[in-house]
Amino acid sequence: MSWKMLTYFGDSMLLIPTAVIMALLMPWKNNNRRAVWYWVLAFCLAGGLVSMSKILFLGFGIGSARYNFTGFSGHSAMSATLWPVMFWLLAGSMSTFWRTLALVTGYLIPLLVGVSRLMLNAHSVSEVITGLLLGFTLSSAFLISQRHAQLKNFNLPQIGATLFIPLLLMGSGHVATTQHFLEDLSASLGGLDKPWTRADLLKLRQ
């Protein structure tokens, strides 16, 4: 599997529809009726904090030249928020072994996404680490809130239907344009002709 394929597991084009599917499934598969609102809060909070960190840098130059930080890695943060919860939900009330394996997989995928962002030179180490910490904090907080919840198992047709849209999106290979949108928005908010870049930030370290 290539780094570009791995990094797609953190792309908003895949994660946002998957998060919506999860929100629709939770009231059906989880006896905790508040779970869906906790999930929406966690996912939106991750997206909001990532976007805010990027706007602060792109529009106002607020970052760290010392740590080469221009904002949280969105791929890392959003994947770390979604995949642990997704695999927890799909594991349902399976045996302890399978639920543990599902959770390990859910936490491993974002780590691989983070590595892929470094290998593709899309982010610095500080951006990936802080993004993962943000996402894992939110997903772990959600899972802790659901530790007494009773889940219903998915049968194979239900799993297939749940994964149909995510697999279709992965097959298409289309990526989200959120970065370009944030760049335009940030430049407008900051009154700039063009947004700040990493090169601009690193000049401050010289």
C-alpha atoms as a PDB file:
ATOM      1  CA  MET A   1       0.000   0.000   0.000  1.00  0.00           C
ATOM      2  CA  SER A   2       1.401   3.368  -1.045  1.00  0.00           C
ATOM      3  CA  TRP A   3       1.785   6.421   1.183  1.00  0.00           C
ATOM      4  CA  LYS A   4      -0.815   8.237  -0.923  1.00  0.00           C
ATOM      5  CA  MET A   5      -3.308   5.437  -0.301  1.00  0.00           C
ATOM      6  CA  LEU A   6      -2.596   5.505   3.433  1.00  0.00           C
ATOM      7  CA  THR A   7      -2.930   9.276   3.623  1.00  0.00           C
ATOM      8  CA  TYR A   8      -6.397   9.040   2.040  1.00  0.00           C
ATOM      9  CA  PHE A   9      -7.614   7.413   5.270  1.00  0.00           C
ATOM     10  CA  GLY A  10      -7.297  10.912   6.755  1.00  0.00           C
ATOM     11  CA  ASP A  11      -8.851  12.882   3.896  1.00  0.00           C
ATOM     12  CA  SER A  12     -12.036  14.839   4.603  1.00  0.00           C
ATOM     13  CA  MET A  13     -13.575  13.529   1.381  1.00  0.00           C
ATOM     14  CA  LEU A  14     -13.632  10.105   3.049  1.00  0.00           C
ATOM     15  CA  LEU A  15     -13.987  11.006   6.720  1.00  0.00           C
ATOM     16  CA  ILE A  16     -16.924  13.424   6.635  1.00  0.00           C
ATOM     17  CA  PRO A  17     -19.345  11.031   4.859  1.00  0.00           C
ATOM     18  CA  THR A  18     -18.127   8.199   7.094  1.00  0.00           C
ATOM     19  CA  ALA A  19     -18.738  10.317  10.205  1.00  0.00           C
ATOM     20  CA  VAL A  20     -22.289  11.039   9.006  1.00  0.00           C
ATOM     21  CA  ILE A  21     -22.928   7.324   8.431  1.00  0.00           C
ATOM     22  CA  MET A  22     -21.698   6.593  11.951  1.00  0.00           C
ATOM     23  CA  ALA A  23     -24.020   9.250  13.386  1.00  0.00           C
ATOM     24  CA  LEU A  24     -26.959   7.605  11.606  1.00  0.00           C
ATOM     25  CA  LEU A  25     -26.015   4.139  12.846  1.00  0.00           C
ATOM     26  CA  MET A  26     -25.388   4.968  16.501  1.00  0.00           C
ATOM     27  CA  PRO A  27     -29.028   5.327  17.615  1.00  0.00           C
ATOM     28  CA  TRP A  28     -29.733   1.973  15.949  1.00  0.00           C
ATOM     29  CA  LYS A  29     -26.753   0.036  17.292  1.00  0.00           C
ATOM     30  CA  ASN A  30     -26.176   1.761  20.648  1.00  0.00           C
ATOM     31  CA  ASN A  31     -28.583   1.831  23.600  1.00  0.00           C
ATOM     32  CA  ASN A  32     -27.051   5.132  24.793  1.00  0.00           C
ATOM     33  CA  ARG A  33     -29.256   7.699  23.050  1.00  0.00           C
ATOM     34  CA  ARG A  34     -26.820  10.522  23.828  1.00  0.00           C
ATOM     35  CA  ALA A  35     -23.984   8.775  22.024  1.00  0.00           C
ATOM     36  CA  VAL A  36     -24.805  10.307  18.658  1.00  0.00           C
ATOM     37  CA  TRP A  37     -24.612  13.840  20.093  1.00  0.00           C
ATOM     38  CA  TYR A  38     -21.326  13.052  21.834  1.00  0.00           C
ATOM     39  CA  TRP A  39     -19.990  11.738  18.538  1.00  0.00           C
ATOM     40  CA  VAL A  40     -21.109  14.783  16.560  1.00  0.00           C
ATOM     41  CA  LEU A  41     -19.542  17.023  19.215  1.00  0.00           C
ATOM     42  CA  ALA A  42     -16.220  15.141  19.153  1.00  0.00           C
ATOM     43  CA  PHE A  43     -15.937  15.107  15.364  1.00  0.00           C
ATOM     44  CA  CYS A  44     -16.988  18.730  14.919  1.00  0.00           C
ATOM     45  CA  LEU A  45     -14.673  19.837  17.719  1.00  0.00           C
ATOM     46  CA  ALA A  46     -11.742  18.133  15.992  1.00  0.00           C
ATOM     47  CA  GLY A  47     -12.591  19.806  12.699  1.00  0.00           C
ATOM     48  CA  GLY A  48     -13.135  23.167  14.353  1.00  0.00           C
ATOM     49  CA  LEU A  49      -9.840  23.156  16.242  1.00  0.00           C
ATOM     50  CA  VAL A  50      -7.881  22.039  13.189  1.00  0.00           C
ATOM     51  CA  SER A  51      -9.498  24.739  11.056  1.00  0.00           C
ATOM     52  CA  MET A  52      -8.903  27.399  13.699  1.00  0.00           C
ATOM     53  CA  SER A  53      -5.213  26.525  13.988  1.00  0.00           C
ATOM     54  CA  LYS A  54      -4.819  26.748  10.217  1.00  0.00           C
ATOM     55  CA  ILE A  55      -6.704  30.056   9.953  1.00  0.00           C
ATOM     56  CA  LEU A  56      -4.554  31.584  12.698  1.00  0.00           C
ATOM     57  CA  PHE A  57      -1.443  30.732  10.730  1.00  0.00           C
ATOM     58  CA  LEU A  58      -2.599  31.231   7.137  1.00  0.00           C
ATOM     59  CA  GLY A  59      -4.339  34.516   7.877  1.00  0.00           C
ATOM     60  CA  PHE A  60      -2.322  35.984  10.746  1.00  0.00           C
ATOM     61  CA  GLY A  61       1.025  34.176  10.755  1.00  0.00           C
ATOM     62  CA  ILE A  62       0.470  32.701  14.210  1.00  0.00           C
ATOM     63  CA  GLY A  63       2.625  29.592  14.408  1.00  0.00           C
ATOM     64  CA  SER A  64       5.995  28.444  15.705  1.00  0.00           C
ATOM     65  CA  ALA A  65       9.140  28.786  13.629  1.00  0.00           C
ATOM     66  CA  ARG A  66      11.104  26.957  16.313  1.00  0.00           C
ATOM     67  CA  TYR A  67       8.916  23.848  16.106  1.00  0.00           C
ATOM     68  CA  ASN A  68       7.985  24.299  12.428  1.00  0.00           C
ATOM     69  CA  PHE A  69       4.310  24.400  13.400  1.00  0.00           C
ATOM     70  CA  THR A  70       1.685  25.914  11.098  1.00  0.00           C
ATOM     71  CA  GLY A  71      -1.380  24.210  12.598  1.00  0.00           C
ATOM     72  CA  PHE A  72      -2.602  20.734  13.481  1.00  0.00           C
ATOM     73  CA  SER A  73      -2.305  18.086  10.786  1.00  0.00           C
ATOM     74  CA  GLY A  74      -5.940  17.712   9.760  1.00  0.00           C
ATOM     75  CA  HIS A  75      -5.437  14.227   8.311  1.00  0.00           C
ATOM     76  CA  SER A  76      -3.837  13.057  11.559  1.00  0.00           C
ATOM     77  CA  ALA A  77      -6.365  14.706  13.875  1.00  0.00           C
ATOM     78  CA  MET A  78      -9.506  13.734  11.995  1.00  0.00           C
ATOM     79  CA  SER A  79      -8.429  10.138  11.377  1.00  0.00           C
ATOM     80  CA  ALA A  80      -7.459   9.754  15.048  1.00  0.00           C
ATOM     81  CA  THR A  81     -10.911  11.024  15.994  1.00  0.00           C
ATOM     82  CA  LEU A  82     -12.848   8.776  13.618  1.00  0.00           C
ATOM     83  CA  TRP A  83     -11.224   5.380  13.132  1.00  0.00           C
ATOM     84  CA  PRO A  84     -11.045   4.219  16.784  1.00  0.00           C
ATOM     85  CA  VAL A  85     -14.761   5.004  17.162  1.00  0.00           C
ATOM     86  CA  MET A  86     -15.645   3.462  13.791  1.00  0.00           C
ATOM     87  CA  PHE A  87     -13.992   0.134  14.617  1.00  0.00           C
ATOM     88  CA  TRP A  88     -15.463   0.172  18.131  1.00  0.00           C
ATOM     89  CA  LEU A  89     -18.919   0.587  16.632  1.00  0.00           C
ATOM     90  CA  LEU A  90     -18.427  -2.161  14.040  1.00  0.00           C
ATOM     91  CA  ALA A  91     -17.089  -4.575  16.673  1.00  0.00           C
ATOM     92  CA  GLY A  92     -20.374  -4.265  18.558  1.00  0.00           C
ATOM     93  CA  SER A  93     -20.776  -6.933  21.233  1.00  0.00           C
ATOM     94  CA  MET A  94     -18.247  -9.361  19.770  1.00  0.00           C
ATOM     95  CA  SER A  95     -15.885 -11.283  22.001  1.00  0.00           C
ATOM     96  CA  THR A  96     -13.200  -9.429  23.926  1.00  0.00           C
ATOM     97  CA  PHE A  97     -10.542 -10.627  21.490  1.00  0.00           C
ATOM     98  CA  TRP A  98     -12.273  -9.214  18.413  1.00  0.00           C
ATOM     99  CA  ARG A  99     -13.211  -5.960  20.129  1.00  0.00           C
ATOM    100  CA  THR A 100      -9.613  -5.501  21.267  1.00  0.00           C
ATOM    101  CA  LEU A 101      -8.327  -6.271  17.768  1.00  0.00           C
ATOM    102  CA  ALA A 102     -10.801  -3.769  16.301  1.00  0.00           C
ATOM    103  CA  LEU A 103      -9.693  -1.027  18.703  1.00  0.00           C
ATOM    104  CA  VAL A 104      -6.005  -1.694  18.043  1.00  0.00           C
ATOM    105  CA  THR A 105      -6.720  -1.408  14.311  1.00  0.00           C
ATOM    106  CA  GLY A 106      -8.682   1.789  14.888  1.00  0.00           C
ATOM    107  CA  TYR A 107      -5.744   3.359  16.722  1.00  0.00           C
ATOM    108  CA  LEU A 108      -3.135   1.999  14.291  1.00  0.00           C
ATOM    109  CA  ILE A 109      -4.648   3.482  11.122  1.00  0.00           C
ATOM    110  CA  PRO A 110      -4.247   7.123  12.285  1.00  0.00           C
ATOM    111  CA  LEU A 111      -0.630   6.440  13.239  1.00  0.00           C
ATOM    112  CA  LEU A 112       0.000   5.203   9.703  1.00  0.00           C
ATOM    113  CA  VAL A 113      -1.808   8.258   8.338  1.00  0.00           C
ATOM    114  CA  GLY A 114       0.499  10.446  10.409  1.00  0.00           C
ATOM    115  CA  VAL A 115       3.579   8.663   9.076  1.00  0.00           C
ATOM    116  CA  SER A 116       2.256   9.055   5.528  1.00  0.00           C
ATOM    117  CA  ARG A 117       1.931  12.825   6.007  1.00  0.00           C
ATOM    118  CA  LEU A 118       5.598  12.948   6.995  1.00  0.00           C
ATOM    119  CA  MET A 119       6.698  10.720   4.127  1.00  0.00           C
ATOM    120  CA  LEU A 120       4.801  12.905   1.657  1.00  0.00           C
ATOM    121  CA  ASN A 121       6.346  16.058   3.197  1.00  0.00           C
ATOM    122  CA  ALA A 122       2.872  17.436   3.840  1.00  0.00           C
ATOM    123  CA  HIS A 123       3.486  18.257   7.510  1.00  0.00           C
ATOM    124  CA  SER A 124       6.197  18.627  10.114  1.00  0.00           C
ATOM    125  CA  VAL A 125       6.693  16.235  13.007  1.00  0.00           C
ATOM    126  CA  SER A 126       5.177  18.721  15.468  1.00  0.00           C
ATOM    127  CA  GLU A 127       2.041  19.107  13.354  1.00  0.00           C
ATOM    128  CA  VAL A 128       1.518  15.363  13.033  1.00  0.00           C
ATOM    129  CA  ILE A 129       2.150  14.621  16.716  1.00  0.00           C
ATOM    130  CA  THR A 130      -0.151  17.386  17.962  1.00  0.00           C
ATOM    131  CA  GLY A 131      -2.800  16.369  15.429  1.00  0.00           C
ATOM    132  CA  LEU A 132      -2.694  12.758  16.610  1.00  0.00           C
ATOM    133  CA  LEU A 133      -2.815  13.830  20.254  1.00  0.00           C
ATOM    134  CA  LEU A 134      -5.853  15.999  19.556  1.00  0.00           C
ATOM    135  CA  GLY A 135      -7.707  13.282  17.685  1.00  0.00           C
ATOM    136  CA  PHE A 136      -6.842  10.463  20.083  1.00  0.00           C
ATOM    137  CA  THR A 137      -7.888  12.622  23.043  1.00  0.00           C
ATOM    138  CA  LEU A 138     -11.325  13.224  21.514  1.00  0.00           C
ATOM    139  CA  SER A 139     -11.918   9.643  20.358  1.00  0.00           C
ATOM    140  CA  SER A 140     -10.714   8.223  23.680  1.00  0.00           C
ATOM    141  CA  ALA A 141     -12.944  10.634  25.597  1.00  0.00           C
ATOM    142  CA  PHE A 142     -15.897   9.474  23.499  1.00  0.00           C
ATOM    143  CA  LEU A 143     -15.074   5.791  24.040  1.00  0.00           C
ATOM    144  CA  ILE A 144     -14.713   6.318  27.793  1.00  0.00           C
ATOM    145  CA  SER A 145     -18.138   7.983  27.830  1.00  0.00           C
ATOM    146  CA  GLN A 146     -19.537   4.846  26.154  1.00  0.00           C
ATOM    147  CA  ARG A 147     -17.849   2.273  28.390  1.00  0.00           C
ATOM    148  CA  HIS A 148     -21.225   1.140  29.800  1.00  0.00           C
ATOM    149  CA  ALA A 149     -23.078   1.256  26.488  1.00  0.00           C
ATOM    150  CA  GLN A 150     -24.554  -1.909  25.028  1.00  0.00           C
ATOM    151  CA  LEU A 151     -23.910  -2.343  21.317  1.00  0.00           C
ATOM    152  CA  LYS A 152     -25.673  -4.574  18.809  1.00  0.00           C
ATOM    153  CA  ASN A 153     -23.602  -6.636  16.415  1.00  0.00           C
ATOM    154  CA  PHE A 154     -23.498  -5.975  12.680  1.00  0.00           C
ATOM    155  CA  ASN A 155     -24.150  -8.874  10.332  1.00  0.00           C
ATOM    156  CA  LEU A 156     -22.151  -9.130   7.105  1.00  0.00           C
ATOM    157  CA  PRO A 157     -24.758  -7.427   4.858  1.00  0.00           C
ATOM    158  CA  GLN A 158     -24.958  -4.540   7.360  1.00  0.00           C
ATOM    159  CA  ILE A 159     -21.168  -4.209   7.467  1.00  0.00           C
ATOM    160  CA  GLY A 160     -21.089  -4.234   3.674  1.00  0.00           C
ATOM    161  CA  ALA A 161     -23.771  -1.545   3.482  1.00  0.00           C
ATOM    162  CA  THR A 162     -21.972   0.554   6.105  1.00  0.00           C
ATOM    163  CA  LEU A 163     -18.659   0.389   4.252  1.00  0.00           C
ATOM    164  CA  PHE A 164     -20.112   0.776   0.754  1.00  0.00           C
ATOM    165  CA  ILE A 165     -19.856   4.566   0.525  1.00  0.00           C
ATOM    166  CA  PRO A 166     -16.385   4.800   2.191  1.00  0.00           C
ATOM    167  CA  LEU A 167     -15.047   2.091  -0.161  1.00  0.00           C
ATOM    168  CA  LEU A 168     -16.632   3.832  -3.137  1.00  0.00           C
ATOM    169  CA  LEU A 169     -14.962   7.101  -2.161  1.00  0.00           C
ATOM    170  CA  MET A 170     -11.607   5.387  -1.715  1.00  0.00           C
ATOM    171  CA  GLY A 171     -11.974   3.849  -5.148  1.00  0.00           C
ATOM    172  CA  SER A 172     -12.702   7.208  -6.727  1.00  0.00           C
ATOM    173  CA  GLY A 173      -9.559   8.778  -5.292  1.00  0.00           C
ATOM    174  CA  HIS A 174     -11.104  12.253  -5.118  1.00  0.00           C
ATOM    175  CA  VAL A 175      -9.579  14.442  -2.400  1.00  0.00           C
ATOM    176  CA  ALA A 176     -11.139  17.295  -0.460  1.00  0.00           C
ATOM    177  CA  THR A 177     -10.376  20.925  -1.313  1.00  0.00           C
ATOM    178  CA  THR A 178     -10.640  22.150   2.272  1.00  0.00           C
ATOM    179  CA  GLN A 179      -7.030  23.403   2.332  1.00  0.00           C
ATOM    180  CA  HIS A 180      -7.623  25.724  -0.623  1.00  0.00           C
ATOM    181  CA  PHE A 181     -10.859  26.939   0.954  1.00  0.00           C
ATOM    182  CA  LEU A 182      -9.091  27.697   4.243  1.00  0.00           C
ATOM    183  CA  GLU A 183      -6.276  29.499   2.429  1.00  0.00           C
ATOM    184  CA  ASP A 184      -8.729  31.797   0.635  1.00  0.00           C
ATOM    185  CA  LEU A 185     -10.797  32.353   3.773  1.00  0.00           C
ATOM    186  CA  SER A 186      -7.760  33.039   5.951  1.00  0.00           C
ATOM    187  CA  ALA A 187      -6.238  35.520   3.507  1.00  0.00           C
ATOM    188  CA  SER A 188      -9.563  37.340   3.370  1.00  0.00           C
ATOM    189  CA  LEU A 189      -9.903  37.441   7.163  1.00  0.00           C
ATOM    190  CA  GLY A 190      -6.319  38.623   7.586  1.00  0.00           C
ATOM    191  CA  GLY A 191      -6.570  41.226   4.848  1.00  0.00           C
ATOM    192  CA  LEU A 192      -3.738  39.592   2.890  1.00  0.00           C
ATOM    193  CA  ASP A 193      -3.121  39.265  -0.828  1.00  0.00           C
ATOM    194  CA  LYS A 194      -1.991  35.699  -0.222  1.00  0.00           C
ATOM    195  CA  PRO A 195      -1.906  33.467   2.855  1.00  0.00           C
ATOM    196  CA  TRP A 196       1.153  32.875   4.980  1.00  0.00           C
ATOM    197  CA  THR A 197       3.313  29.924   3.936  1.00  0.00           C
ATOM    198  CA  ARG A 198       5.711  27.643   5.765  1.00  0.00           C
ATOM    199  CA  ALA A 199       8.586  29.372   3.961  1.00  0.00           C
ATOM    200  CA  ASP A 200       7.450  32.699   5.398  1.00  0.00           C
ATOM    201  CA  LEU A 201       7.427  31.221   8.892  1.00  0.00           C
ATOM    202  CA  LEU A 202      10.843  29.580   8.624  1.00  0.00           C
ATOM    203  CA  LYS A 203      12.410  32.863   7.512  1.00  0.00           C
ATOM    204  CA  LEU A 204      11.714  34.100  11.037  1.00  0.00           C
ATOM    205  CA  ARG A 205      14.049  31.404  12.379  1.00  0.00           C
ATOM    206  CA  GLN A 206      17.006  32.621  10.327  1.00  0.00           C
END
